[in-house]
Amino acid sequence: MLTKHHYDDIVKDWDKEGLDCCKTTNPGDSTCVDCCYDNWQDELRIVTQKYNKAAEQAMQYQNKLTFVTARRNTYRKWVDEINNFEELASAICNHLELLAVQSDKIWYNSCKAVDAVETLFCMIRDFFIQLDLISTQYADIQNCITNNTDPSLVKGQGILKALDDYKAKLDIVLKLRDDISKNIVVAVKLVHEIANNISTRNCNEKFDPCAKTPLPCAGDDIYYGFKTVICEWYNSFSCIPCKDTGNGNSTTTTASAAPVNTNTVQSDCGDDDCELLPTIEFPMCSPSSYKDCVQKWLTADETAVTDLTGKLQDANKEKEALTACKNSLVKAIKAVDPKTRCN
C-alpha cells in the first residue's frame, strides 16, 4: 500500500440530493427555475459580504501594521542615537572626572609652590636685612679706622685693602636688591594667582593627594577657578553610575559624588503640562528620562507589531478562504444559470 489509508469507491448516487434539488420544478416552463441557482445566489451575496468585510479588515490591519512598523523603526533609531549619545556623554564624564581629580592635585601642588615661594621671599628678605646689618657694621669699622691714628693702617694695604674689596662686593650685591625684591614679589603674586585660578579653596584645608579613590567634585563649599568650571560641567552631565535597565543596555557612565539631576520629564511620558518634548536631561540612563520614554514607546510598538501581524495573518486566511468559496460559487452559478443551461 502506498498509503496507510484504505481506498473506498465513491458511492454511485453521491450527488443524488443535488440532482433532486436541481431538477426543474416544471419541465415545460421555459424559465427553468432552479432551486440551486437561487440558493447559490443568496449564498454568494452572503459570502461576498463576508469577503468584503474580511478584505476591509485585512486592509485596515495592513495599513495600521505599516504605520506602526515605520514608527517602531523610528523609535529603534532614536534608541540607538540615544545610546550613542549616552556613550559620548559617558566619555565626556570620564575626561571631566580625570580633569577634576588632577586639578585637585595641581591645586595641592600649587599650594606647596605658594609655601615654597613665600619661604624663598622670607629668605631673600632676611638675606638683605643681614646685608644691611653688615653694611652698618662696615660703616662702624670704617669710622673706627678713621678715628684711629695707628701708622700701621695704610689705606689700600693690608686689612684696609681687604675691607675695601669686601665693601665693593657688598655694594654689588646690594645693588641687586631692588631687582631681586621686585622679581620675588612678582613671583609671590603669580604663584597665588595660579593657585586661585585653579581653585580658591583654602590651602590650609586637608587634602590627601595619595587617596586611591578620590572624589572628583565632592563637598558643598563654593569655590571659583578652573576646578569649579570643570565641576559645573561634571554636575551638568550628572555623571553618576548607571545600572542595567533590564533590556540589555548596560552603561559605563563614571561614578562620582555629583548630585543627581532631578529635572526630568514626567514618568508617564505625557504632555499634560504642555512642555515641549523631547526634554533631554542627564544622565540619559536615569529613570523617567526621555530615553526611558522612548524605550517604553518602542516596547509598546514591538508588541503592537507582533499582535497586528497575527491579526493580519488571520484576516488574510479568512479572506483567502472566502475568496475560494466566492470563486466556487461564481463558477457553480455560471454552470447552472438558466439563461445558458436551458437554451
Protein backbone atom coordinates (compact mmCIF):
# COMPACT_ATOMS: atom_id res chain seq x y z
CA MET A 1 0.00 0.00 0.00
CA LEU A 2 1.24 3.42 -0.93
CA THR A 3 -0.69 4.97 1.93
CA LYS A 4 -1.93 3.74 5.25
CA HIS A 5 -5.49 4.79 4.42
CA HIS A 6 -7.81 2.30 2.74
CA TYR A 7 -9.37 3.48 -0.52
CA ASP A 8 -13.14 3.17 -0.84
CA ASP A 9 -15.04 3.53 -4.10
CA ILE A 10 -17.30 6.55 -4.41
CA VAL A 11 -20.98 5.73 -3.92
CA LYS A 12 -22.78 5.87 -7.22
CA ASP A 13 -25.59 8.17 -6.10
CA TRP A 14 -23.36 10.54 -4.07
CA ASP A 15 -24.91 13.51 -5.93
CA LYS A 16 -28.49 12.32 -5.67
CA GLU A 17 -29.60 15.10 -3.33
CA GLY A 18 -28.05 17.74 -5.56
CA LEU A 19 -29.64 16.27 -8.65
CA ASP A 20 -33.02 16.09 -6.95
CA CYS A 21 -32.68 19.69 -5.95
CA CYS A 22 -31.60 20.80 -9.38
CA LYS A 23 -34.47 19.12 -11.27
CA THR A 24 -36.71 21.69 -12.87
CA THR A 25 -39.88 22.16 -10.94
CA ASN A 26 -41.75 22.39 -14.20
CA PRO A 27 -40.06 20.79 -17.23
CA GLY A 28 -42.37 22.61 -19.59
CA ASP A 29 -41.54 26.02 -18.14
CA SER A 30 -39.08 27.88 -20.37
CA THR A 31 -37.77 29.92 -17.41
CA CYS A 32 -36.24 26.74 -15.98
CA VAL A 33 -36.47 27.86 -12.39
CA ASP A 34 -33.72 26.06 -10.41
CA CYS A 35 -33.65 25.92 -6.61
CA CYS A 36 -29.83 25.52 -6.57
CA TYR A 37 -29.39 28.61 -8.68
CA ASP A 38 -31.47 30.71 -6.27
CA ASN A 39 -29.82 29.26 -3.16
CA TRP A 40 -26.35 29.79 -4.55
CA GLN A 41 -27.21 33.34 -5.50
CA ASP A 42 -28.24 34.04 -1.92
CA GLU A 43 -25.19 32.28 -0.59
CA LEU A 44 -22.96 34.26 -2.99
CA ARG A 45 -24.38 37.52 -1.66
CA ILE A 46 -23.66 36.43 1.91
CA VAL A 47 -20.15 35.22 1.03
CA THR A 48 -19.48 38.42 -0.91
CA GLN A 49 -20.46 40.49 2.11
CA LYS A 50 -18.22 38.41 4.37
CA TYR A 51 -15.39 38.66 1.82
CA ASN A 52 -15.71 42.44 1.59
CA LYS A 53 -15.70 42.69 5.38
CA ALA A 54 -12.66 40.40 5.64
CA ALA A 55 -10.84 42.29 2.86
CA GLU A 56 -11.55 45.62 4.54
CA GLN A 57 -10.41 44.26 7.90
CA ALA A 58 -7.21 42.88 6.34
CA MET A 59 -6.54 46.21 4.62
CA GLN A 60 -7.02 48.11 7.88
CA TYR A 61 -4.67 45.72 9.69
CA GLN A 62 -2.15 46.11 6.87
CA ASN A 63 -2.31 49.92 6.95
CA LYS A 64 -2.02 50.00 10.70
CA LEU A 65 0.82 47.48 10.66
CA THR A 66 2.66 49.57 8.06
CA PHE A 67 2.26 52.72 10.17
CA VAL A 68 3.22 51.08 13.47
CA THR A 69 6.19 49.30 11.88
CA ALA A 70 7.51 52.59 10.49
CA ARG A 71 7.07 54.25 13.88
CA ARG A 72 8.74 51.31 15.64
CA ASN A 73 11.73 51.58 13.28
CA THR A 74 11.92 55.28 14.08
CA TYR A 75 11.91 54.53 17.80
CA ARG A 76 14.66 51.95 17.25
CA LYS A 77 16.74 54.60 15.53
CA TRP A 78 16.05 57.02 18.40
CA VAL A 79 17.12 54.43 20.96
CA ASP A 80 20.33 53.78 19.02
CA GLU A 81 21.02 57.51 18.77
CA ILE A 82 20.32 57.98 22.50
CA ASN A 83 22.65 55.07 23.33
CA ASN A 84 25.36 56.62 21.15
CA PHE A 85 24.67 59.96 22.78
CA GLU A 86 24.94 58.35 26.20
CA GLU A 87 28.27 56.74 25.27
CA LEU A 88 29.62 60.11 24.18
CA ALA A 89 28.34 61.71 27.39
CA SER A 90 30.00 58.91 29.34
CA ALA A 91 33.29 59.57 27.56
CA ILE A 92 32.95 63.28 28.40
CA CYS A 93 32.28 62.36 32.03
CA ASN A 94 35.42 60.23 32.11
CA HIS A 95 37.52 63.13 30.82
CA LEU A 96 35.87 65.60 33.18
CA GLU A 97 36.44 63.29 36.12
CA LEU A 98 40.11 62.97 35.18
CA LEU A 99 40.43 66.76 34.90
CA ALA A 100 38.62 67.30 38.20
CA VAL A 101 40.78 64.80 40.07
CA GLN A 102 44.00 66.09 38.53
CA SER A 103 43.02 69.71 39.17
CA ASP A 104 42.83 68.87 42.88
CA LYS A 105 46.37 67.56 42.75
CA ILE A 106 47.54 70.56 40.73
CA TRP A 107 45.86 72.85 43.28
CA TYR A 108 47.61 70.93 46.08
CA ASN A 109 50.97 71.31 44.30
CA SER A 110 50.29 74.99 43.67
CA CYS A 111 49.67 75.42 47.40
CA LYS A 112 53.03 73.82 48.06
CA ALA A 113 54.51 76.17 45.47
CA VAL A 114 52.95 79.12 47.34
CA ASP A 115 54.59 77.93 50.54
CA ALA A 116 57.93 77.47 48.76
CA VAL A 117 57.88 80.90 47.09
CA GLU A 118 56.80 82.62 50.29
CA THR A 119 59.61 80.83 52.12
CA LEU A 120 62.03 81.96 49.43
CA PHE A 121 60.70 85.51 49.77
CA CYS A 122 61.34 85.39 53.52
CA MET A 123 64.84 84.01 52.96
CA ILE A 124 65.67 86.76 50.44
CA ARG A 125 64.24 89.42 52.72
CA ASP A 126 66.23 88.06 55.65
CA PHE A 127 69.33 87.88 53.46
CA PHE A 128 69.17 91.56 52.54
CA ILE A 129 68.35 92.51 56.13
CA GLN A 130 71.57 90.73 57.12
CA LEU A 131 73.41 92.59 54.37
CA ASP A 132 72.09 95.88 55.74
CA LEU A 133 73.39 94.92 59.17
CA ILE A 134 76.77 94.06 57.63
CA SER A 135 76.80 97.47 55.89
CA THR A 136 76.13 99.11 59.23
CA GLN A 137 78.92 97.15 60.84
CA TYR A 138 81.26 98.08 57.98
CA ALA A 139 80.41 101.73 58.46
CA ASP A 140 81.19 101.40 62.16
CA ILE A 141 84.56 99.76 61.38
CA GLN A 142 85.41 102.46 58.87
CA ASN A 143 84.53 105.14 61.40
CA CYS A 144 86.74 103.42 63.95
CA ILE A 145 89.65 103.20 61.49
CA THR A 146 89.25 106.84 60.52
CA ASN A 147 89.46 107.91 64.13
CA ASN A 148 92.45 105.63 64.73
CA THR A 149 95.88 107.25 64.11
CA ASP A 150 97.82 103.98 64.08
CA PRO A 151 100.53 104.41 61.34
CA SER A 152 100.37 100.71 60.52
CA LEU A 153 96.93 101.15 58.98
CA VAL A 154 97.80 102.31 55.46
CA LYS A 155 94.94 102.93 53.01
CA GLY A 156 94.92 100.37 50.19
CA GLN A 157 97.17 98.00 52.03
CA GLY A 158 96.69 95.06 54.40
CA ILE A 159 93.45 94.84 56.24
CA LEU A 160 92.20 98.10 54.76
CA LYS A 161 92.56 96.68 51.25
CA ALA A 162 90.61 93.57 52.29
CA LEU A 163 87.90 95.76 53.75
CA ASP A 164 87.72 97.82 50.57
CA ASP A 165 87.36 94.66 48.44
CA TYR A 166 84.67 93.35 50.80
CA LYS A 167 82.79 96.67 50.59
CA ALA A 168 82.95 96.63 46.78
CA LYS A 169 81.46 93.14 46.62
CA LEU A 170 78.86 94.07 49.24
CA ASP A 171 77.80 97.06 47.17
CA ILE A 172 77.43 94.86 44.08
CA VAL A 173 75.08 92.50 45.93
CA LEU A 174 73.12 95.39 47.46
CA LYS A 175 72.60 96.88 44.00
CA LEU A 176 70.75 93.65 43.05
CA ARG A 177 68.32 94.04 45.93
CA ASP A 178 65.77 96.12 44.05
CA ASP A 179 65.62 93.78 41.06
CA ILE A 180 65.58 90.62 43.18
CA SER A 181 62.95 92.05 45.54
CA LYS A 182 60.77 93.13 42.61
CA ASN A 183 61.02 89.67 40.99
CA ILE A 184 60.30 87.76 44.17
CA VAL A 185 57.23 89.91 44.83
CA VAL A 186 56.03 89.20 41.30
CA ALA A 187 56.70 85.50 41.88
CA VAL A 188 54.62 85.55 45.07
CA LYS A 189 51.78 87.28 43.20
CA LEU A 190 51.91 84.84 40.29
CA VAL A 191 52.02 81.72 42.43
CA HIS A 192 48.96 82.92 44.37
CA GLU A 193 47.15 83.67 41.11
CA ILE A 194 47.97 80.20 39.80
CA ALA A 195 46.59 78.57 42.95
CA ASN A 196 43.47 80.76 42.95
CA ASN A 197 42.86 80.23 39.23
CA ILE A 198 42.81 76.51 39.83
CA SER A 199 40.67 76.82 42.97
CA THR A 200 40.07 79.44 45.62
CA ARG A 201 39.95 76.68 48.19
CA ASN A 202 41.99 77.48 51.28
CA CYS A 203 45.41 75.87 51.05
CA ASN A 204 45.22 75.06 54.76
CA GLU A 205 42.37 72.61 54.18
CA LYS A 206 43.22 68.95 54.50
CA PHE A 207 43.77 67.04 51.27
CA ASP A 208 45.19 63.59 50.64
CA PRO A 209 46.86 63.53 47.21
CA CYS A 210 47.54 59.80 47.56
CA ALA A 211 43.91 58.74 48.04
CA LYS A 212 43.14 55.65 45.95
CA THR A 213 39.57 56.65 45.03
CA PRO A 214 39.42 60.44 45.16
CA LEU A 215 36.02 62.03 44.69
CA PRO A 216 36.22 64.45 41.75
CA CYS A 217 33.68 67.07 42.84
CA ALA A 218 32.92 66.30 46.47
CA GLY A 219 31.87 68.91 49.00
CA ASP A 220 29.17 71.55 49.21
CA ASP A 221 31.50 74.56 49.54
CA ILE A 222 31.50 77.03 46.67
CA TYR A 223 34.86 77.94 45.18
CA TYR A 224 35.97 79.63 42.00
CA GLY A 225 38.56 78.79 39.40
CA PHE A 226 39.32 76.10 36.82
CA LYS A 227 38.23 73.28 39.14
CA THR A 228 34.83 74.95 39.62
CA VAL A 229 34.30 75.22 35.86
CA ILE A 230 35.13 71.54 35.42
CA CYS A 231 32.80 70.55 38.25
CA GLU A 232 29.99 72.70 36.82
CA TRP A 233 30.24 70.72 33.59
CA TYR A 234 30.64 67.48 35.52
CA ASN A 235 27.48 68.15 37.52
CA SER A 236 25.60 69.35 34.43
CA PHE A 237 26.25 65.98 32.82
CA SER A 238 25.11 64.32 36.08
CA CYS A 239 27.98 61.86 35.93
CA ILE A 240 26.51 59.23 38.21
CA PRO A 241 26.73 55.43 37.88
CA CYS A 242 24.10 53.87 35.64
CA LYS A 243 22.62 50.46 36.28
CA ASP A 244 21.44 47.89 33.77
CA THR A 245 17.96 48.89 32.60
CA GLY A 246 16.92 45.26 32.15
CA ASN A 247 16.75 45.44 28.36
CA GLY A 248 20.35 44.50 27.78
CA ASN A 249 21.61 48.06 27.57
CA SER A 250 24.35 48.49 30.13
CA THR A 251 26.02 51.83 30.61
CA THR A 252 29.54 52.91 31.54
CA THR A 253 28.87 56.33 33.00
CA THR A 254 31.53 57.31 35.52
CA ALA A 255 30.76 57.08 39.21
CA SER A 256 31.02 60.25 41.23
CA ALA A 257 29.66 62.14 44.17
CA ALA A 258 27.87 64.59 41.92
CA PRO A 259 24.21 65.26 42.82
CA VAL A 260 21.51 63.63 40.76
CA ASN A 261 19.71 65.94 38.38
CA THR A 262 16.06 65.89 39.41
CA ASN A 263 14.80 67.97 36.47
CA THR A 264 13.42 65.06 34.47
CA VAL A 265 10.42 64.68 32.21
CA GLN A 266 7.22 63.18 33.51
CA SER A 267 7.39 59.49 34.34
CA ASP A 268 4.28 58.83 32.23
CA CYS A 269 5.99 60.44 29.20
CA GLY A 270 2.93 62.57 28.63
CA ASP A 271 2.47 66.22 27.76
CA ASP A 272 -0.19 67.17 30.27
CA ASP A 273 1.99 70.05 31.44
CA CYS A 274 2.28 71.38 27.87
CA GLU A 275 6.07 71.13 27.91
CA LEU A 276 7.89 70.83 24.61
CA LEU A 277 9.25 67.32 24.04
CA PRO A 278 11.76 65.87 23.92
CA THR A 279 13.37 67.24 27.05
CA ILE A 280 16.91 65.91 27.18
CA GLU A 281 18.26 65.54 30.70
CA PHE A 282 21.39 63.92 32.05
CA PRO A 283 22.14 61.19 32.75
CA MET A 284 20.28 59.57 29.86
CA CYS A 285 20.02 56.31 31.79
CA SER A 286 18.13 57.82 34.73
CA PRO A 287 14.55 56.67 35.40
CA SER A 288 11.77 58.79 33.90
CA SER A 289 14.19 60.23 31.38
CA TYR A 290 13.45 60.71 27.69
CA LYS A 291 15.39 57.54 26.95
CA ASP A 292 13.08 55.63 29.29
CA CYS A 293 10.06 57.08 27.50
CA VAL A 294 11.36 56.15 24.04
CA GLN A 295 12.17 52.65 25.27
CA LYS A 296 8.59 52.30 26.55
CA TRP A 297 7.20 53.52 23.22
CA LEU A 298 9.45 51.09 21.36
CA THR A 299 8.39 48.16 23.54
CA ALA A 300 4.73 49.06 23.07
CA ASP A 301 5.11 49.27 19.28
CA GLU A 302 7.03 46.00 19.12
CA THR A 303 4.17 44.32 21.00
CA ALA A 304 1.66 46.02 18.69
CA VAL A 305 3.55 44.85 15.57
CA THR A 306 3.52 41.28 16.82
CA ASP A 307 -0.20 41.48 17.63
CA LEU A 308 -1.10 43.14 14.32
CA THR A 309 0.98 40.63 12.35
CA GLY A 310 -1.00 37.77 13.90
CA LYS A 311 -4.32 39.51 13.25
CA LEU A 312 -3.32 40.30 9.66
CA GLN A 313 -2.41 36.67 9.04
CA ASP A 314 -5.75 35.50 10.41
CA ALA A 315 -7.60 38.12 8.35
CA ASN A 316 -5.73 37.10 5.18
CA LYS A 317 -6.51 33.43 5.84
CA GLU A 318 -10.21 34.26 6.23
CA LYS A 319 -10.10 36.45 3.11
CA GLU A 320 -8.42 33.73 1.06
CA ALA A 321 -10.91 31.13 2.28
CA LEU A 322 -13.83 33.40 1.38
CA THR A 323 -12.18 34.12 -1.98
CA ALA A 324 -12.07 30.41 -2.76
CA CYS A 325 -15.67 29.99 -1.65
CA LYS A 326 -16.74 33.01 -3.66
CA ASN A 327 -14.98 31.80 -6.80
CA SER A 328 -16.51 28.33 -6.42
CA LEU A 329 -19.99 29.81 -6.10
CA VAL A 330 -19.47 32.04 -9.11
CA LYS A 331 -18.42 29.05 -11.22
CA ALA A 332 -21.30 26.95 -9.91
CA ILE A 333 -23.86 29.69 -10.57
CA LYS A 334 -22.49 30.16 -14.06
CA ALA A 335 -22.80 26.43 -14.68
CA VAL A 336 -26.49 26.29 -13.63
CA ASP A 337 -27.50 29.69 -14.99
CA PRO A 338 -30.92 29.11 -16.64
CA LYS A 339 -30.08 31.57 -19.39
CA THR A 340 -27.34 29.31 -20.66
CA ARG A 341 -28.27 25.84 -19.37
CA CYS A 342 -31.89 25.68 -20.54
CA ASN A 343 -31.48 27.12 -24.02
